[in-house]
PDB file of N, CA and C in Angstrom:
ATOM      1  N   MET A   1      -4.159  -6.981  14.221  1.00  0.00           N
ATOM      2  CA  MET A   1      -4.239  -8.949  14.127  1.00  0.00           C
ATOM      3  C   MET A   1      -5.773  -9.315  14.053  1.00  0.00           C
ATOM      4  N   SER A   2      -5.712 -10.016  12.844  1.00  0.00           N
ATOM      5  CA  SER A   2      -6.755 -10.759  12.670  1.00  0.00           C
ATOM      6  C   SER A   2      -7.107 -12.146  14.292  1.00  0.00           C
ATOM      7  N   ALA A   3      -8.286 -12.111  14.195  1.00  0.00           N
ATOM      8  CA  ALA A   3      -8.052 -13.073  15.583  1.00  0.00           C
ATOM      9  C   ALA A   3      -7.348 -14.637  15.458  1.00  0.00           C
ATOM     10  N   PRO A   4      -7.917 -15.139  14.125  1.00  0.00           N
ATOM     11  CA  PRO A   4      -7.332 -16.410  13.709  1.00  0.00           C
ATOM     12  C   PRO A   4      -5.738 -16.280  13.761  1.00  0.00           C
ATOM     13  N   GLU A   5      -5.181 -15.319  13.518  1.00  0.00           N
ATOM     14  CA  GLU A   5      -3.771 -15.608  13.689  1.00  0.00           C
ATOM     15  C   GLU A   5      -3.245 -15.267  14.795  1.00  0.00           C
ATOM     16  N   ARG A   6      -3.876 -14.515  16.103  1.00  0.00           N
ATOM     17  CA  ARG A   6      -3.550 -14.581  17.483  1.00  0.00           C
ATOM     18  C   ARG A   6      -3.510 -15.898  17.527  1.00  0.00           C
ATOM     19  N   ARG A   7      -4.914 -16.559  17.425  1.00  0.00           N
ATOM     20  CA  ARG A   7      -4.761 -17.911  18.718  1.00  0.00           C
ATOM     21  C   ARG A   7      -3.768 -18.736  17.617  1.00  0.00           C
ATOM     22  N   THR A   8      -3.782 -18.454  16.358  1.00  0.00           N
ATOM     23  CA  THR A   8      -3.296 -19.774  15.956  1.00  0.00           C
ATOM     24  C   THR A   8      -1.164 -19.931  16.873  1.00  0.00           C
ATOM     25  N   ILE A   9      -1.147 -18.052  16.814  1.00  0.00           N
ATOM     26  CA  ILE A   9       0.105 -18.208  17.680  1.00  0.00           C
ATOM     27  C   ILE A   9       0.140 -18.672  19.186  1.00  0.00           C
ATOM     28  N   GLU A  10      -0.863 -18.362  19.664  1.00  0.00           N
ATOM     29  CA  GLU A  10      -1.010 -18.663  21.398  1.00  0.00           C
ATOM     30  C   GLU A  10      -1.245 -20.087  21.085  1.00  0.00           C
ATOM     31  N   ALA A  11      -1.819 -20.623  19.720  1.00  0.00           N
ATOM     32  CA  ALA A  11      -1.832 -21.967  20.371  1.00  0.00           C
ATOM     33  C   ALA A  11      -0.585 -23.045  20.005  1.00  0.00           C
ATOM     34  N   CYS A  12       0.397 -22.251  18.857  1.00  0.00           N
ATOM     35  CA  CYS A  12       1.775 -23.087  18.809  1.00  0.00           C
ATOM     36  C   CYS A  12       2.435 -23.059  20.289  1.00  0.00           C
ATOM     37  N   SER A  13       2.348 -21.559  21.174  1.00  0.00           N
ATOM     38  CA  SER A  13       3.157 -21.310  22.322  1.00  0.00           C
ATOM     39  C   SER A  13       2.104 -22.182  23.178  1.00  0.00           C
ATOM     40  N   TRP A  14       1.258 -22.791  23.536  1.00  0.00           N
ATOM     41  CA  TRP A  14       0.632 -23.470  24.328  1.00  0.00           C
ATOM     42  C   TRP A  14       0.787 -24.990  24.334  1.00  0.00           C
ATOM     43  N   ALA A  15       0.736 -25.028  22.976  1.00  0.00           N
ATOM     44  CA  ALA A  15       1.645 -26.905  22.376  1.00  0.00           C
ATOM     45  C   ALA A  15       2.881 -26.862  22.535  1.00  0.00           C
ATOM     46  N   SER A  16       3.650 -25.941  22.880  1.00  0.00           N
ATOM     47  CA  SER A  16       5.262 -26.172  23.671  1.00  0.00           C
ATOM     48  C   SER A  16       5.921 -25.903  22.396  1.00  0.00           C
ATOM     49  N   ALA A  17       5.370 -25.431  21.121  1.00  0.00           N
ATOM     50  CA  ALA A  17       6.557 -24.718  20.221  1.00  0.00           C
ATOM     51  C   ALA A  17       7.647 -23.733  20.251  1.00  0.00           C
ATOM     52  N   ALA A  18       8.535 -23.996  19.987  1.00  0.00           N
ATOM     53  CA  ALA A  18       9.458 -23.152  20.146  1.00  0.00           C
ATOM     54  C   ALA A  18       9.911 -21.655  19.516  1.00  0.00           C
ATOM     55  N   ASP A  19       9.563 -20.141  19.706  1.00  0.00           N
ATOM     56  CA  ASP A  19       9.781 -19.424  18.789  1.00  0.00           C
ATOM     57  C   ASP A  19      11.214 -19.717  18.129  1.00  0.00           C
ATOM     58  N   GLY A  20      11.363 -19.639  16.476  1.00  0.00           N
ATOM     59  CA  GLY A  20      12.402 -19.939  15.940  1.00  0.00           C
ATOM     60  C   GLY A  20      13.638 -19.029  16.010  1.00  0.00           C
ATOM     61  N   SER A  21      13.311 -18.110  16.104  1.00  0.00           N
ATOM     62  CA  SER A  21      14.606 -16.761  16.913  1.00  0.00           C
ATOM     63  C   SER A  21      14.816 -17.395  18.440  1.00  0.00           C
ATOM     64  N   THR A  22      14.499 -16.810  19.403  1.00  0.00           N
ATOM     65  CA  THR A  22      14.866 -17.097  20.896  1.00  0.00           C
ATOM     66  C   THR A  22      14.760 -18.976  21.395  1.00  0.00           C
ATOM     67  N   GLY A  23      14.152 -19.687  20.376  1.00  0.00           N
ATOM     68  CA  GLY A  23      14.080 -20.546  21.191  1.00  0.00           C
ATOM     69  C   GLY A  23      12.953 -21.476  22.488  1.00  0.00           C
ATOM     70  N   MET A  24      12.778 -20.015  23.125  1.00  0.00           N
ATOM     71  CA  MET A  24      11.732 -19.800  24.077  1.00  0.00           C
ATOM     72  C   MET A  24       9.929 -20.496  23.380  1.00  0.00           C
ATOM     73  N   MET A  25       9.329 -21.529  24.379  1.00  0.00           N
ATOM     74  CA  MET A  25       8.007 -21.910  24.296  1.00  0.00           C
ATOM     75  C   MET A  25       6.953 -20.578  24.851  1.00  0.00           C
ATOM     76  N   THR A  26       7.296 -19.634  23.865  1.00  0.00           N
ATOM     77  CA  THR A  26       6.538 -17.748  23.905  1.00  0.00           C
ATOM     78  C   THR A  26       5.822 -17.476  23.098  1.00  0.00           C
ATOM     79  N   ALA A  27       4.992 -16.507  23.057  1.00  0.00           N
ATOM     80  CA  ALA A  27       3.609 -16.170  22.162  1.00  0.00           C
ATOM     81  C   ALA A  27       4.469 -14.862  21.075  1.00  0.00           C
ATOM     82  N   SER A  28       5.029 -15.035  20.565  1.00  0.00           N
ATOM     83  CA  SER A  28       6.137 -14.858  19.649  1.00  0.00           C
ATOM     84  C   SER A  28       6.398 -15.287  18.810  1.00  0.00           C
ATOM     85  N   VAL A  29       6.799 -14.242  17.457  1.00  0.00           N
ATOM     86  CA  VAL A  29       7.328 -14.681  16.264  1.00  0.00           C
ATOM     87  C   VAL A  29       8.591 -14.152  15.940  1.00  0.00           C
ATOM     88  N   ASP A  30       9.540 -15.269  15.757  1.00  0.00           N
ATOM     89  CA  ASP A  30      11.386 -14.566  15.109  1.00  0.00           C
ATOM     90  C   ASP A  30      11.533 -13.213  16.562  1.00  0.00           C
ATOM     91  N   GLY A  31      11.262 -14.283  17.527  1.00  0.00           N
ATOM     92  CA  GLY A  31      11.750 -13.252  18.813  1.00  0.00           C
ATOM     93  C   GLY A  31      11.374 -11.798  18.938  1.00  0.00           C
ATOM     94  N   ILE A  32       9.833 -11.949  17.951  1.00  0.00           N
ATOM     95  CA  ILE A  32       8.866 -10.797  18.347  1.00  0.00           C
ATOM     96  C   ILE A  32       7.987 -10.421  19.208  1.00  0.00           C
ATOM     97  N   PRO A  33       7.789  -9.636  20.034  1.00  0.00           N
ATOM     98  CA  PRO A  33       6.559 -10.431  20.918  1.00  0.00           C
ATOM     99  C   PRO A  33       4.813 -10.077  20.392  1.00  0.00           C
ATOM    100  N   LEU A  34       3.962 -10.572  20.466  1.00  0.00           N
ATOM    101  CA  LEU A  34       2.937 -10.906  20.021  1.00  0.00           C
ATOM    102  C   LEU A  34       2.562  -9.111  19.811  1.00  0.00           C
ATOM    103  N   TRP A  35       2.523  -9.070  20.537  1.00  0.00           N
ATOM    104  CA  TRP A  35       2.029  -7.654  20.412  1.00  0.00           C
ATOM    105  C   TRP A  35       2.349  -6.688  19.662  1.00  0.00           C
ATOM    106  N   VAL A  36       3.914  -6.525  19.399  1.00  0.00           N
ATOM    107  CA  VAL A  36       4.684  -5.946  18.504  1.00  0.00           C
ATOM    108  C   VAL A  36       4.287  -6.611  17.062  1.00  0.00           C
ATOM    109  N   HIS A  37       3.833  -8.058  16.967  1.00  0.00           N
ATOM    110  CA  HIS A  37       3.706  -8.418  15.688  1.00  0.00           C
ATOM    111  C   HIS A  37       2.459  -7.973  15.543  1.00  0.00           C
ATOM    112  N   GLU A  38       1.410  -7.413  16.277  1.00  0.00           N
ATOM    113  CA  GLU A  38       0.033  -7.293  15.695  1.00  0.00           C
ATOM    114  C   GLU A  38       0.332  -5.916  15.400  1.00  0.00           C
ATOM    115  N   GLN A  39       1.114  -5.278  15.511  1.00  0.00           N
ATOM    116  CA  GLN A  39       1.222  -3.849  15.130  1.00  0.00           C
ATOM    117  C   GLN A  39       2.032  -4.180  13.602  1.00  0.00           C
ATOM    118  N   VAL A  40       2.542  -4.861  13.312  1.00  0.00           N
ATOM    119  CA  VAL A  40       3.371  -4.728  12.046  1.00  0.00           C
ATOM    120  C   VAL A  40       2.010  -5.324  11.471  1.00  0.00           C
ATOM    121  N   VAL A  41       1.556  -6.254  11.642  1.00  0.00           N
ATOM    122  CA  VAL A  41       0.780  -6.953  10.633  1.00  0.00           C
ATOM    123  C   VAL A  41      -0.575  -5.971  10.162  1.00  0.00           C
ATOM    124  N   GLY A  42      -0.664  -5.328  11.386  1.00  0.00           N
ATOM    125  CA  GLY A  42      -2.136  -3.959  11.667  1.00  0.00           C
ATOM    126  C   GLY A  42      -1.094  -2.935  10.548  1.00  0.00           C
ATOM    127  N   LEU A  43      -0.192  -2.459  10.550  1.00  0.00           N
ATOM    128  CA  LEU A  43       0.553  -1.561   9.407  1.00  0.00           C
ATOM    129  C   LEU A  43       0.573  -2.081   8.252  1.00  0.00           C
ATOM    130  N   LEU A  44       1.469  -3.226   8.374  1.00  0.00           N
ATOM    131  CA  LEU A  44       1.053  -4.119   6.269  1.00  0.00           C
ATOM    132  C   LEU A  44      -0.442  -4.085   5.835  1.00  0.00           C
ATOM    133  N   ARG A  45      -1.316  -4.148   6.539  1.00  0.00           N
ATOM    134  CA  ARG A  45      -2.971  -3.910   6.246  1.00  0.00           C
ATOM    135  C   ARG A  45      -3.359  -2.906   5.940  1.00  0.00           C
ATOM    136  N   GLU A  46      -2.899  -1.662   6.479  1.00  0.00           N
ATOM    137  CA  GLU A  46      -3.205  -0.235   6.036  1.00  0.00           C
ATOM    138  C   GLU A  46      -2.024  -0.118   4.618  1.00  0.00           C
ATOM    139  N   MET A  47      -0.834  -0.227   4.700  1.00  0.00           N
ATOM    140  CA  MET A  47      -0.469   0.135   3.587  1.00  0.00           C
ATOM    141  C   MET A  47      -0.746  -0.751   2.422  1.00  0.00           C
ATOM    142  N   VAL A  48      -1.100  -1.754   2.211  1.00  0.00           N
ATOM    143  CA  VAL A  48      -1.803  -2.417   1.185  1.00  0.00           C
ATOM    144  C   VAL A  48      -2.986  -1.903   1.024  1.00  0.00           C
ATOM    145  N   GLY A  49      -4.194  -1.547   1.987  1.00  0.00           N
ATOM    146  CA  GLY A  49      -5.392  -0.703   1.795  1.00  0.00           C
ATOM    147  C   GLY A  49      -5.185   0.712   0.810  1.00  0.00           C
ATOM    148  N   LEU A  50      -4.248   1.153   0.923  1.00  0.00           N
ATOM    149  CA  LEU A  50      -3.244   2.869   0.765  1.00  0.00           C
ATOM    150  C   LEU A  50      -3.397   2.424  -0.398  1.00  0.00           C
ATOM    151  N   ALA A  51      -2.697   1.576  -0.729  1.00  0.00           N
ATOM    152  CA  ALA A  51      -1.781   0.636  -2.189  1.00  0.00           C
ATOM    153  C   ALA A  51      -3.152   0.457  -2.880  1.00  0.00           C
ATOM    154  N   SER A  52      -4.094   0.058  -2.928  1.00  0.00           N
ATOM    155  CA  SER A  52      -5.186  -0.034  -3.798  1.00  0.00           C
ATOM    156  C   SER A  52      -5.872   0.662  -3.806  1.00  0.00           C
ATOM    157  N   ILE A  53      -5.774   1.806  -3.559  1.00  0.00           N
ATOM    158  CA  ILE A  53      -6.673   3.151  -3.502  1.00  0.00           C
ATOM    159  C   ILE A  53      -6.306   4.051  -4.665  1.00  0.00           C
ATOM    160  N   SER A  54      -6.659   3.909  -5.647  1.00  0.00           N
ATOM    161  CA  SER A  54      -6.706   5.134  -6.973  1.00  0.00           C
ATOM    162  C   SER A  54      -7.044   6.323  -6.751  1.00  0.00           C
ATOM    163  N   LEU A  55      -6.192   7.058  -7.157  1.00  0.00           N
ATOM    164  CA  LEU A  55      -6.059   8.640  -7.056  1.00  0.00           C
ATOM    165  C   LEU A  55      -6.220   9.122  -8.499  1.00  0.00           C
ATOM    166  N   LYS A  56      -6.786  10.339  -8.625  1.00  0.00           N
ATOM    167  CA  LYS A  56      -6.820  11.304  -9.683  1.00  0.00           C
ATOM    168  C   LYS A  56      -5.682  12.369  -9.380  1.00  0.00           C
ATOM    169  N   ARG A  57      -4.677  12.088 -10.379  1.00  0.00           N
ATOM    170  CA  ARG A  57      -3.641  13.126 -10.465  1.00  0.00           C
ATOM    171  C   ARG A  57      -3.958  14.186 -12.097  1.00  0.00           C
ATOM    172  N   ASP A  58      -3.960  15.417 -11.319  1.00  0.00           N
ATOM    173  CA  ASP A  58      -3.683  16.302 -12.672  1.00  0.00           C
ATOM    174  C   ASP A  58      -2.430  16.637 -12.623  1.00  0.00           C
ATOM    175  N   PHE A  59      -1.485  15.790 -13.356  1.00  0.00           N
ATOM    176  CA  PHE A  59      -0.217  16.077 -13.751  1.00  0.00           C
ATOM    177  C   PHE A  59       0.558  14.787 -15.203  1.00  0.00           C
TER     178      PHE A  59
END
């Protein structure tokens, strides 16, 4: 996850914003802990990166 995304989520938590799923004031997104969210965002970045690679196929 990029630093701006992490800072935004943490800032929302520090400002007493509640997670939309749990209603708790934690650094989480829709009930997903920040560390899991970071992994999901990283996976999505990898998928987009792989999808943008052109492959030459001989079929």
